[in-house]
Amino acid sequence: MLNPSKMLRCCWLLWLVGGVLPACDEAASCKSAPACSQQGKCTAGDAGKCIVGSARDCNSSELCTVHGRCSFVQGACTAASDADCKSSQDCQKQQTCEAYRGSCVDLAKSVHAECVNRCEADGLCVMSGGKCAALSRLHCAGTMDAKPEATSPCATQGRCNAENGRCTAASNEDCARSVACKDEARCAAKDGLCVATAQDCAKSSACSSSGKCDASNGTCVATSSAACRKSARCKLEGACSPKDGACIAATSGDCQQASVCAQAKHCQAQGGVCVGSGPGATSASGGPPDKVRSTTVGGLFQ
């Protein structure tokens, strides 16, 4: 390709031989203009307007060398692939090395519109490999600060570390600071998740309130009558017998020694909870007996 000075000499010689050549003059003018080196507008278009005419125009411009927009697509210079971005100065200085919608971005610091619904709860914030993924602590914690955002996977589930496109629990410390540890005794990191151990369950509120003092498959469960009978729910609601990992009101005897019987006259066991007698009986919370697992007696389990 002729450089601007050679192009001008060529046009000058052609003018001497054949007269004025406006198109040649316009082409040379475009190639010598700042917009050519800055924006790739090196080709003379209709009415003498300088435009991006080819990938060669893009490749020689700052849009490519600085910003990674090296591909010619529909009359414009654009970042069509990660390869375009990785050769740019911005990639080296600002880590904007991935292509997204025609520009180079740092995916670890991005949130894509396609993933916004899964970003806050799951940390899956950017498109990567055709699906929403988590690529950084920013995605998993909602911030780069030490304290995570309250609704993030880090704060709620201890999953603060991005690994293989998802947020994972990488340490016991992350789990110990999470809501999952406080509410469900899931305080130990295992296989990328926060899980409950027998030791954590035994000293948790799940044990004292609901009789869930043992661990099974990473969660606290009720396995013994002794644990159920020591729990607050047994005294208040008659949930004194273990079944399927939870304490329930298995017999009317469970109900009759509980506060729910003395205060609300719910003294019969039905569907695992204590209900009043007679047709249409309901639990103390007013819902169908087989759908309710806690009451509001005394306001403790509202």
C-alpha atoms as a PDB file:
ATOM      1  CA  MET A   1       0.000   0.000   0.000  1.00  0.00           C
ATOM      2  CA  LEU A   2       1.278   3.495  -0.834  1.00  0.00           C
ATOM      3  CA  ASN A   3       1.901   5.730   2.133  1.00  0.00           C
ATOM      4  CA  PRO A   4       0.235   9.193   2.085  1.00  0.00           C
ATOM      5  CA  SER A   5       3.306  11.037   0.705  1.00  0.00           C
ATOM      6  CA  LYS A   6       3.763   8.572  -2.162  1.00  0.00           C
ATOM      7  CA  MET A   7       0.047   8.701  -2.903  1.00  0.00           C
ATOM      8  CA  LEU A   8       0.188  12.479  -3.170  1.00  0.00           C
ATOM      9  CA  ARG A   9       3.199  12.312  -5.552  1.00  0.00           C
ATOM     10  CA  CYS A  10       1.336   9.700  -7.645  1.00  0.00           C
ATOM     11  CA  CYS A  11      -1.730  11.882  -7.854  1.00  0.00           C
ATOM     12  CA  TRP A  12       0.428  14.929  -8.723  1.00  0.00           C
ATOM     13  CA  LEU A  13       2.067  13.094 -11.614  1.00  0.00           C
ATOM     14  CA  LEU A  14      -1.294  11.853 -12.868  1.00  0.00           C
ATOM     15  CA  TRP A  15      -2.639  15.385 -12.700  1.00  0.00           C
ATOM     16  CA  LEU A  16       0.271  16.697 -14.767  1.00  0.00           C
ATOM     17  CA  VAL A  17      -0.407  14.097 -17.422  1.00  0.00           C
ATOM     18  CA  GLY A  18      -4.189  13.984 -17.502  1.00  0.00           C
ATOM     19  CA  GLY A  19      -5.566  16.894 -15.556  1.00  0.00           C
ATOM     20  CA  VAL A  20      -7.468  16.990 -12.279  1.00  0.00           C
ATOM     21  CA  LEU A  21      -8.310  13.637 -10.615  1.00  0.00           C
ATOM     22  CA  PRO A  22     -10.691  14.407  -7.714  1.00  0.00           C
ATOM     23  CA  ALA A  23     -11.093  10.785  -6.601  1.00  0.00           C
ATOM     24  CA  CYS A  24      -7.373  10.345  -6.293  1.00  0.00           C
ATOM     25  CA  ASP A  25      -7.124  13.568  -4.350  1.00  0.00           C
ATOM     26  CA  GLU A  26      -9.929  12.474  -2.018  1.00  0.00           C
ATOM     27  CA  ALA A  27      -8.319   9.081  -1.364  1.00  0.00           C
ATOM     28  CA  ALA A  28      -5.020  10.690  -0.503  1.00  0.00           C
ATOM     29  CA  SER A  29      -6.760  13.219   1.695  1.00  0.00           C
ATOM     30  CA  CYS A  30      -8.493  10.453   3.689  1.00  0.00           C
ATOM     31  CA  LYS A  31      -5.289   8.515   4.230  1.00  0.00           C
ATOM     32  CA  SER A  32      -3.452  11.585   5.482  1.00  0.00           C
ATOM     33  CA  ALA A  33      -6.250  12.716   7.808  1.00  0.00           C
ATOM     34  CA  PRO A  34      -6.057  12.052  11.595  1.00  0.00           C
ATOM     35  CA  ALA A  35      -9.303  10.033  11.399  1.00  0.00           C
ATOM     36  CA  CYS A  36      -7.433   7.405   9.366  1.00  0.00           C
ATOM     37  CA  SER A  37      -4.818   6.634  11.995  1.00  0.00           C
ATOM     38  CA  GLN A  38      -7.243   7.096  14.895  1.00  0.00           C
ATOM     39  CA  GLN A  39     -10.523   5.590  13.646  1.00  0.00           C
ATOM     40  CA  GLY A  40      -9.613   3.647  10.485  1.00  0.00           C
ATOM     41  CA  LYS A  41     -11.496   6.064   8.213  1.00  0.00           C
ATOM     42  CA  CYS A  42      -8.963   5.809   5.417  1.00  0.00           C
ATOM     43  CA  THR A  43     -11.131   5.149   2.368  1.00  0.00           C
ATOM     44  CA  ALA A  44     -12.922   7.800   0.323  1.00  0.00           C
ATOM     45  CA  GLY A  45     -16.623   7.065   0.147  1.00  0.00           C
ATOM     46  CA  ASP A  46     -19.533   8.742  -1.603  1.00  0.00           C
ATOM     47  CA  ALA A  47     -19.429  12.549  -1.762  1.00  0.00           C
ATOM     48  CA  GLY A  48     -15.833  12.500  -0.592  1.00  0.00           C
ATOM     49  CA  LYS A  49     -16.649  11.347   2.937  1.00  0.00           C
ATOM     50  CA  CYS A  50     -13.909   9.296   4.573  1.00  0.00           C
ATOM     51  CA  ILE A  51     -15.084   5.881   5.785  1.00  0.00           C
ATOM     52  CA  VAL A  52     -13.758   2.566   7.077  1.00  0.00           C
ATOM     53  CA  GLY A  53     -13.461   0.551   3.906  1.00  0.00           C
ATOM     54  CA  SER A  54     -11.615  -2.642   4.815  1.00  0.00           C
ATOM     55  CA  ALA A  55      -9.935  -4.688   7.524  1.00  0.00           C
ATOM     56  CA  ARG A  56      -6.660  -3.082   6.415  1.00  0.00           C
ATOM     57  CA  ASP A  57      -8.074   0.304   7.420  1.00  0.00           C
ATOM     58  CA  CYS A  58      -8.914  -1.084  10.854  1.00  0.00           C
ATOM     59  CA  ASN A  59      -5.599  -2.868  11.396  1.00  0.00           C
ATOM     60  CA  SER A  60      -3.533   0.275  10.888  1.00  0.00           C
ATOM     61  CA  SER A  61      -5.634   2.407  13.250  1.00  0.00           C
ATOM     62  CA  GLU A  62      -5.536   3.073  16.984  1.00  0.00           C
ATOM     63  CA  LEU A  63      -8.911   1.333  17.275  1.00  0.00           C
ATOM     64  CA  CYS A  64      -7.019  -1.900  16.609  1.00  0.00           C
ATOM     65  CA  THR A  65      -3.596  -1.345  18.146  1.00  0.00           C
ATOM     66  CA  VAL A  66      -4.901   0.339  21.309  1.00  0.00           C
ATOM     67  CA  HIS A  67      -8.465  -0.942  21.739  1.00  0.00           C
ATOM     68  CA  GLY A  68      -8.477  -4.301  19.899  1.00  0.00           C
ATOM     69  CA  ARG A  69     -11.160  -3.383  17.360  1.00  0.00           C
ATOM     70  CA  CYS A  70      -9.349  -4.950  14.421  1.00  0.00           C
ATOM     71  CA  SER A  71     -12.092  -6.687  12.410  1.00  0.00           C
ATOM     72  CA  PHE A  72     -14.071  -5.021   9.631  1.00  0.00           C
ATOM     73  CA  VAL A  73     -17.788  -5.731  10.132  1.00  0.00           C
ATOM     74  CA  GLN A  74     -20.606  -3.858   8.396  1.00  0.00           C
ATOM     75  CA  GLY A  75     -18.555  -0.774   7.696  1.00  0.00           C
ATOM     76  CA  ALA A  76     -17.001  -0.443  11.149  1.00  0.00           C
ATOM     77  CA  CYS A  77     -13.974  -1.588  13.107  1.00  0.00           C
ATOM     78  CA  THR A  78     -15.026  -4.020  15.815  1.00  0.00           C
ATOM     79  CA  ALA A  79     -13.612  -6.548  18.255  1.00  0.00           C
ATOM     80  CA  ALA A  80     -14.931  -9.750  16.708  1.00  0.00           C
ATOM     81  CA  SER A  81     -12.896 -12.221  18.739  1.00  0.00           C
ATOM     82  CA  ASP A  82     -10.723 -12.527  21.842  1.00  0.00           C
ATOM     83  CA  ALA A  83      -7.730 -12.681  19.499  1.00  0.00           C
ATOM     84  CA  ASP A  84      -8.454  -9.107  18.382  1.00  0.00           C
ATOM     85  CA  CYS A  85      -8.442  -7.938  21.992  1.00  0.00           C
ATOM     86  CA  LYS A  86      -5.392  -9.838  23.206  1.00  0.00           C
ATOM     87  CA  SER A  87      -3.066  -8.043  20.805  1.00  0.00           C
ATOM     88  CA  SER A  88      -4.140  -4.592  22.000  1.00  0.00           C
ATOM     89  CA  GLN A  89      -2.497  -2.167  24.397  1.00  0.00           C
ATOM     90  CA  ASP A  90      -5.672  -2.058  26.513  1.00  0.00           C
ATOM     91  CA  CYS A  91      -5.386  -5.783  27.133  1.00  0.00           C
ATOM     92  CA  GLN A  92      -1.847  -5.389  28.455  1.00  0.00           C
ATOM     93  CA  LYS A  93      -2.611  -2.337  30.583  1.00  0.00           C
ATOM     94  CA  GLN A  94      -6.271  -2.746  31.600  1.00  0.00           C
ATOM     95  CA  GLN A  95      -6.876  -6.498  31.200  1.00  0.00           C
ATOM     96  CA  THR A  96      -9.689  -5.889  28.692  1.00  0.00           C
ATOM     97  CA  CYS A  97      -8.808  -9.042  26.757  1.00  0.00           C
ATOM     98  CA  GLU A  98     -12.198 -10.591  25.887  1.00  0.00           C
ATOM     99  CA  ALA A  99     -14.532  -9.562  23.087  1.00  0.00           C
ATOM    100  CA  TYR A 100     -18.144  -8.777  23.928  1.00  0.00           C
ATOM    101  CA  ARG A 101     -20.600  -7.099  21.577  1.00  0.00           C
ATOM    102  CA  GLY A 102     -17.879  -5.523  19.453  1.00  0.00           C
ATOM    103  CA  SER A 103     -15.716  -4.151  22.263  1.00  0.00           C
ATOM    104  CA  CYS A 104     -12.930  -5.520  24.445  1.00  0.00           C
ATOM    105  CA  VAL A 105     -13.848  -5.980  28.102  1.00  0.00           C
ATOM    106  CA  ASP A 106     -12.539  -7.502  31.314  1.00  0.00           C
ATOM    107  CA  LEU A 107     -15.107 -10.230  31.979  1.00  0.00           C
ATOM    108  CA  ALA A 108     -14.046 -10.505  35.606  1.00  0.00           C
ATOM    109  CA  LYS A 109     -15.288  -6.952  36.163  1.00  0.00           C
ATOM    110  CA  SER A 110     -18.359  -7.141  33.926  1.00  0.00           C
ATOM    111  CA  VAL A 111     -22.043  -7.937  34.313  1.00  0.00           C
ATOM    112  CA  HIS A 112     -23.906  -8.912  31.141  1.00  0.00           C
ATOM    113  CA  ALA A 113     -27.544  -8.128  30.527  1.00  0.00           C
ATOM    114  CA  GLU A 114     -28.221 -11.747  29.561  1.00  0.00           C
ATOM    115  CA  CYS A 115     -27.166 -12.898  33.032  1.00  0.00           C
ATOM    116  CA  VAL A 116     -28.564 -10.201  35.313  1.00  0.00           C
ATOM    117  CA  ASN A 117     -31.305 -12.462  36.720  1.00  0.00           C
ATOM    118  CA  ARG A 118     -28.771 -15.049  37.918  1.00  0.00           C
ATOM    119  CA  CYS A 119     -26.008 -12.674  38.935  1.00  0.00           C
ATOM    120  CA  GLU A 120     -27.110 -11.539  42.397  1.00  0.00           C
ATOM    121  CA  ALA A 121     -28.221 -14.894  43.791  1.00  0.00           C
ATOM    122  CA  ASP A 122     -25.808 -17.273  42.030  1.00  0.00           C
ATOM    123  CA  GLY A 123     -22.924 -15.054  40.914  1.00  0.00           C
ATOM    124  CA  LEU A 124     -23.387 -16.163  37.297  1.00  0.00           C
ATOM    125  CA  CYS A 125     -22.870 -12.691  35.858  1.00  0.00           C
ATOM    126  CA  VAL A 126     -21.185 -12.913  32.441  1.00  0.00           C
ATOM    127  CA  MET A 127     -21.502 -14.884  29.246  1.00  0.00           C
ATOM    128  CA  SER A 128     -18.578 -17.271  28.858  1.00  0.00           C
ATOM    129  CA  GLY A 129     -18.562 -20.301  26.605  1.00  0.00           C
ATOM    130  CA  GLY A 130     -22.199 -19.727  25.675  1.00  0.00           C
ATOM    131  CA  LYS A 131     -23.566 -19.671  29.240  1.00  0.00           C
ATOM    132  CA  CYS A 132     -23.669 -17.399  32.272  1.00  0.00           C
ATOM    133  CA  ALA A 133     -20.650 -17.891  34.516  1.00  0.00           C
ATOM    134  CA  ALA A 134     -18.873 -16.573  37.607  1.00  0.00           C
ATOM    135  CA  LEU A 135     -15.291 -15.519  36.940  1.00  0.00           C
ATOM    136  CA  SER A 136     -14.206 -13.441  39.949  1.00  0.00           C
ATOM    137  CA  ARG A 137     -14.800 -12.575  43.582  1.00  0.00           C
ATOM    138  CA  LEU A 138     -16.709  -9.540  42.328  1.00  0.00           C
ATOM    139  CA  HIS A 139     -19.292 -11.889  40.834  1.00  0.00           C
ATOM    140  CA  CYS A 140     -19.520 -14.102  43.926  1.00  0.00           C
ATOM    141  CA  ALA A 141     -19.395 -11.393  46.609  1.00  0.00           C
ATOM    142  CA  GLY A 142     -20.895  -8.456  44.718  1.00  0.00           C
ATOM    143  CA  THR A 143     -17.845  -6.360  45.641  1.00  0.00           C
ATOM    144  CA  MET A 144     -14.079  -6.548  45.854  1.00  0.00           C
ATOM    145  CA  ASP A 145     -14.245  -5.403  49.494  1.00  0.00           C
ATOM    146  CA  ALA A 146     -13.649  -7.819  52.360  1.00  0.00           C
ATOM    147  CA  LYS A 147     -17.311  -7.611  53.398  1.00  0.00           C
ATOM    148  CA  PRO A 148     -19.587  -9.178  50.745  1.00  0.00           C
ATOM    149  CA  GLU A 149     -22.942  -7.787  49.666  1.00  0.00           C
ATOM    150  CA  ALA A 150     -25.710  -9.159  51.891  1.00  0.00           C
ATOM    151  CA  THR A 151     -27.576 -10.989  49.113  1.00  0.00           C
ATOM    152  CA  SER A 152     -24.526 -12.436  47.357  1.00  0.00           C
ATOM    153  CA  PRO A 153     -23.641 -16.166  47.242  1.00  0.00           C
ATOM    154  CA  CYS A 154     -20.641 -15.327  49.415  1.00  0.00           C
ATOM    155  CA  ALA A 155     -22.697 -13.773  52.218  1.00  0.00           C
ATOM    156  CA  THR A 156     -25.614 -16.193  52.119  1.00  0.00           C
ATOM    157  CA  GLN A 157     -23.886 -19.495  51.323  1.00  0.00           C
ATOM    158  CA  GLY A 158     -20.158 -18.911  51.888  1.00  0.00           C
ATOM    159  CA  ARG A 159     -19.457 -19.382  48.171  1.00  0.00           C
ATOM    160  CA  CYS A 160     -16.925 -16.570  47.730  1.00  0.00           C
ATOM    161  CA  ASN A 161     -14.437 -18.075  45.270  1.00  0.00           C
ATOM    162  CA  ALA A 162     -14.953 -18.309  41.486  1.00  0.00           C
ATOM    163  CA  GLU A 163     -13.823 -21.650  40.099  1.00  0.00           C
ATOM    164  CA  ASN A 164     -14.680 -23.338  36.796  1.00  0.00           C
ATOM    165  CA  GLY A 165     -17.371 -20.765  36.079  1.00  0.00           C
ATOM    166  CA  ARG A 166     -19.253 -20.997  39.369  1.00  0.00           C
ATOM    167  CA  CYS A 167     -19.020 -19.650  42.909  1.00  0.00           C
ATOM    168  CA  THR A 168     -17.623 -22.161  45.391  1.00  0.00           C
ATOM    169  CA  ALA A 169     -16.884 -22.363  49.108  1.00  0.00           C
ATOM    170  CA  ALA A 170     -13.096 -22.536  49.309  1.00  0.00           C
ATOM    171  CA  SER A 171     -12.509 -22.198  53.050  1.00  0.00           C
ATOM    172  CA  ASN A 172     -14.088 -22.834  56.437  1.00  0.00           C
ATOM    173  CA  GLU A 173     -13.619 -19.144  57.178  1.00  0.00           C
ATOM    174  CA  ASP A 174     -15.889 -18.121  54.284  1.00  0.00           C
ATOM    175  CA  CYS A 175     -18.511 -20.620  55.443  1.00  0.00           C
ATOM    176  CA  ALA A 176     -18.280 -19.490  59.074  1.00  0.00           C
ATOM    177  CA  ARG A 177     -19.160 -15.917  58.093  1.00  0.00           C
ATOM    178  CA  SER A 178     -22.198 -16.941  56.023  1.00  0.00           C
ATOM    179  CA  VAL A 179     -25.914 -16.968  56.759  1.00  0.00           C
ATOM    180  CA  ALA A 180     -25.864 -20.716  56.021  1.00  0.00           C
ATOM    181  CA  CYS A 181     -23.598 -21.223  59.030  1.00  0.00           C
ATOM    182  CA  LYS A 182     -25.608 -18.969  61.338  1.00  0.00           C
ATOM    183  CA  ASP A 183     -29.029 -20.351  60.420  1.00  0.00           C
ATOM    184  CA  GLU A 184     -28.313 -23.931  59.318  1.00  0.00           C
ATOM    185  CA  ALA A 185     -24.926 -24.764  60.922  1.00  0.00           C
ATOM    186  CA  ARG A 186     -23.386 -25.289  57.479  1.00  0.00           C
ATOM    187  CA  CYS A 187     -20.006 -23.987  58.592  1.00  0.00           C
ATOM    188  CA  ALA A 188     -17.438 -26.294  56.959  1.00  0.00           C
ATOM    189  CA  ALA A 189     -16.243 -26.154  53.336  1.00  0.00           C
ATOM    190  CA  LYS A 190     -16.420 -29.421  51.419  1.00  0.00           C
ATOM    191  CA  ASP A 191     -16.438 -30.031  47.669  1.00  0.00           C
ATOM    192  CA  GLY A 192     -17.182 -26.376  46.961  1.00  0.00           C
ATOM    193  CA  LEU A 193     -20.142 -26.105  49.346  1.00  0.00           C
ATOM    194  CA  CYS A 194     -20.682 -25.205  52.988  1.00  0.00           C
ATOM    195  CA  VAL A 195     -21.886 -28.280  54.861  1.00  0.00           C
ATOM    196  CA  ALA A 196     -22.950 -29.105  58.399  1.00  0.00           C
ATOM    197  CA  THR A 197     -20.932 -31.405  60.644  1.00  0.00           C
ATOM    198  CA  ALA A 198     -22.231 -33.275  63.681  1.00  0.00           C
ATOM    199  CA  GLN A 199     -20.212 -30.986  65.937  1.00  0.00           C
ATOM    200  CA  ASP A 200     -21.631 -27.827  64.357  1.00  0.00           C
ATOM    201  CA  CYS A 201     -25.198 -29.172  64.451  1.00  0.00           C
ATOM    202  CA  ALA A 202     -24.957 -30.123  68.142  1.00  0.00           C
ATOM    203  CA  LYS A 203     -24.149 -26.554  69.173  1.00  0.00           C
ATOM    204  CA  SER A 204     -26.473 -24.806  66.716  1.00  0.00           C
ATOM    205  CA  SER A 205     -29.838 -23.122  67.111  1.00  0.00           C
ATOM    206  CA  ALA A 206     -31.249 -25.819  64.812  1.00  0.00           C
ATOM    207  CA  CYS A 207     -30.525 -28.306  67.609  1.00  0.00           C
ATOM    208  CA  SER A 208     -31.923 -26.267  70.495  1.00  0.00           C
ATOM    209  CA  SER A 209     -34.972 -24.995  68.628  1.00  0.00           C
ATOM    210  CA  SER A 210     -35.851 -27.885  66.301  1.00  0.00           C
ATOM    211  CA  GLY A 211     -33.985 -30.934  67.633  1.00  0.00           C
ATOM    212  CA  LYS A 212     -31.783 -31.160  64.539  1.00  0.00           C
ATOM    213  CA  CYS A 213     -28.628 -32.126  66.386  1.00  0.00           C
ATOM    214  CA  ASP A 214     -27.054 -34.670  64.000  1.00  0.00           C
ATOM    215  CA  ALA A 215     -25.608 -34.263  60.499  1.00  0.00           C
ATOM    216  CA  SER A 216     -26.572 -36.158  57.368  1.00  0.00           C
ATOM    217  CA  ASN A 217     -25.449 -35.364  53.820  1.00  0.00           C
ATOM    218  CA  GLY A 218     -24.178 -31.962  54.891  1.00  0.00           C
ATOM    219  CA  THR A 219     -27.316 -30.768  56.679  1.00  0.00           C
ATOM    220  CA  CYS A 220     -28.573 -30.881  60.273  1.00  0.00           C
ATOM    221  CA  VAL A 221     -31.276 -33.460  60.916  1.00  0.00           C
ATOM    222  CA  ALA A 222     -33.310 -34.813  63.805  1.00  0.00           C
ATOM    223  CA  THR A 223     -32.598 -38.482  64.430  1.00  0.00           C
ATOM    224  CA  SER A 224     -33.417 -39.123  68.087  1.00  0.00           C
ATOM    225  CA  SER A 225     -36.423 -38.720  70.354  1.00  0.00           C
ATOM    226  CA  ALA A 226     -34.128 -37.358  73.067  1.00  0.00           C
ATOM    227  CA  ALA A 227     -33.006 -34.470  70.865  1.00  0.00           C
ATOM    228  CA  CYS A 228     -36.557 -33.701  69.763  1.00  0.00           C
ATOM    229  CA  ARG A 229     -37.870 -33.724  73.350  1.00  0.00           C
ATOM    230  CA  LYS A 230     -35.192 -31.279  74.471  1.00  0.00           C
ATOM    231  CA  SER A 231     -36.075 -28.825  71.702  1.00  0.00           C
ATOM    232  CA  ALA A 232     -38.138 -25.645  71.993  1.00  0.00           C
ATOM    233  CA  ARG A 233     -40.553 -26.897  69.335  1.00  0.00           C
ATOM    234  CA  CYS A 234     -41.414 -29.921  71.451  1.00  0.00           C
ATOM    235  CA  LYS A 235     -42.322 -27.738  74.438  1.00  0.00           C
ATOM    236  CA  LEU A 236     -44.222 -25.201  72.371  1.00  0.00           C
ATOM    237  CA  GLU A 237     -45.701 -27.166  69.472  1.00  0.00           C
ATOM    238  CA  GLY A 238     -45.574 -30.810  70.485  1.00  0.00           C
ATOM    239  CA  ALA A 239     -42.981 -31.643  67.793  1.00  0.00           C
ATOM    240  CA  CYS A 240     -41.347 -34.285  69.975  1.00  0.00           C
ATOM    241  CA  SER A 241     -40.847 -37.320  67.695  1.00  0.00           C
ATOM    242  CA  PRO A 242     -38.249 -37.731  64.904  1.00  0.00           C
ATOM    243  CA  LYS A 243     -39.368 -38.573  61.372  1.00  0.00           C
ATOM    244  CA  ASP A 244     -37.527 -38.149  58.072  1.00  0.00           C
ATOM    245  CA  GLY A 245     -34.935 -35.842  59.647  1.00  0.00           C
ATOM    246  CA  ALA A 246     -37.380 -33.528  61.413  1.00  0.00           C
ATOM    247  CA  CYS A 247     -39.215 -33.420  64.718  1.00  0.00           C
ATOM    248  CA  ILE A 248     -42.995 -33.781  64.368  1.00  0.00           C
ATOM    249  CA  ALA A 249     -46.060 -34.245  66.507  1.00  0.00           C
ATOM    250  CA  ALA A 250     -46.468 -37.968  65.969  1.00  0.00           C
ATOM    251  CA  THR A 251     -49.085 -38.654  68.640  1.00  0.00           C
ATOM    252  CA  SER A 252     -51.709 -36.750  70.558  1.00  0.00           C
ATOM    253  CA  GLY A 253     -49.546 -37.456  73.601  1.00  0.00           C
ATOM    254  CA  ASP A 254     -46.866 -35.224  72.047  1.00  0.00           C
ATOM    255  CA  CYS A 255     -49.402 -32.430  71.683  1.00  0.00           C
ATOM    256  CA  GLN A 256     -51.042 -32.721  75.093  1.00  0.00           C
ATOM    257  CA  GLN A 257     -47.866 -31.893  77.015  1.00  0.00           C
ATOM    258  CA  ALA A 258     -47.111 -28.826  74.831  1.00  0.00           C
ATOM    259  CA  SER A 259     -48.016 -25.154  75.207  1.00  0.00           C
ATOM    260  CA  VAL A 260     -50.045 -25.322  72.005  1.00  0.00           C
ATOM    261  CA  CYS A 261     -52.517 -27.604  73.765  1.00  0.00           C
ATOM    262  CA  ALA A 262     -52.783 -25.570  76.968  1.00  0.00           C
ATOM    263  CA  GLN A 263     -52.982 -22.200  75.239  1.00  0.00           C
ATOM    264  CA  ALA A 264     -54.697 -22.890  71.917  1.00  0.00           C
ATOM    265  CA  LYS A 265     -56.490 -26.177  72.614  1.00  0.00           C
ATOM    266  CA  HIS A 266     -54.642 -27.870  69.768  1.00  0.00           C
ATOM    267  CA  CYS A 267     -54.249 -31.201  71.466  1.00  0.00           C
ATOM    268  CA  GLN A 268     -54.552 -33.792  68.689  1.00  0.00           C
ATOM    269  CA  ALA A 269     -51.821 -34.879  66.286  1.00  0.00           C
ATOM    270  CA  GLN A 270     -52.677 -34.790  62.608  1.00  0.00           C
ATOM    271  CA  GLY A 271     -50.306 -34.737  59.656  1.00  0.00           C
ATOM    272  CA  GLY A 272     -47.319 -34.201  61.949  1.00  0.00           C
ATOM    273  CA  VAL A 273     -48.670 -31.122  63.750  1.00  0.00           C
ATOM    274  CA  CYS A 274     -51.039 -30.419  66.621  1.00  0.00           C
ATOM    275  CA  VAL A 275     -54.558 -29.375  65.660  1.00  0.00           C
ATOM    276  CA  GLY A 276     -57.845 -28.570  67.317  1.00  0.00           C
ATOM    277  CA  SER A 277     -60.592 -31.162  67.495  1.00  0.00           C
ATOM    278  CA  GLY A 278     -63.641 -31.338  65.244  1.00  0.00           C
ATOM    279  CA  PRO A 279     -64.289 -30.992  61.477  1.00  0.00           C
ATOM    280  CA  GLY A 280     -62.049 -28.585  59.558  1.00  0.00           C
ATOM    281  CA  ALA A 281     -59.434 -28.595  62.286  1.00  0.00           C
ATOM    282  CA  THR A 282     -56.351 -26.507  61.618  1.00  0.00           C
ATOM    283  CA  SER A 283     -52.960 -26.052  63.163  1.00  0.00           C
ATOM    284  CA  ALA A 284     -52.181 -23.154  65.476  1.00  0.00           C
ATOM    285  CA  SER A 285     -51.004 -21.063  62.548  1.00  0.00           C
ATOM    286  CA  GLY A 286     -54.322 -21.460  60.720  1.00  0.00           C
ATOM    287  CA  GLY A 287     -53.069 -23.516  57.755  1.00  0.00           C
ATOM    288  CA  PRO A 288     -53.899 -27.083  56.760  1.00  0.00           C
ATOM    289  CA  PRO A 289     -52.268 -29.470  59.244  1.00  0.00           C
ATOM    290  CA  ASP A 290     -50.349 -31.422  56.621  1.00  0.00           C
ATOM    291  CA  LYS A 291     -48.797 -28.249  55.212  1.00  0.00           C
ATOM    292  CA  VAL A 292     -47.618 -26.612  58.438  1.00  0.00           C
ATOM    293  CA  ARG A 293     -44.446 -27.432  60.324  1.00  0.00           C
ATOM    294  CA  SER A 294     -44.270 -24.533  62.826  1.00  0.00           C
ATOM    295  CA  THR A 295     -46.675 -22.383  64.799  1.00  0.00           C
ATOM    296  CA  THR A 296     -46.575 -18.927  66.292  1.00  0.00           C
ATOM    297  CA  VAL A 297     -47.323 -19.782  69.906  1.00  0.00           C
ATOM    298  CA  GLY A 298     -45.513 -17.274  72.067  1.00  0.00           C
ATOM    299  CA  GLY A 299     -44.175 -15.526  68.944  1.00  0.00           C
ATOM    300  CA  LEU A 300     -40.941 -17.574  68.871  1.00  0.00           C
ATOM    301  CA  PHE A 301     -41.259 -19.029  65.360  1.00  0.00           C
ATOM    302  CA  GLN A 302     -42.993 -16.245  63.458  1.00  0.00           C
END
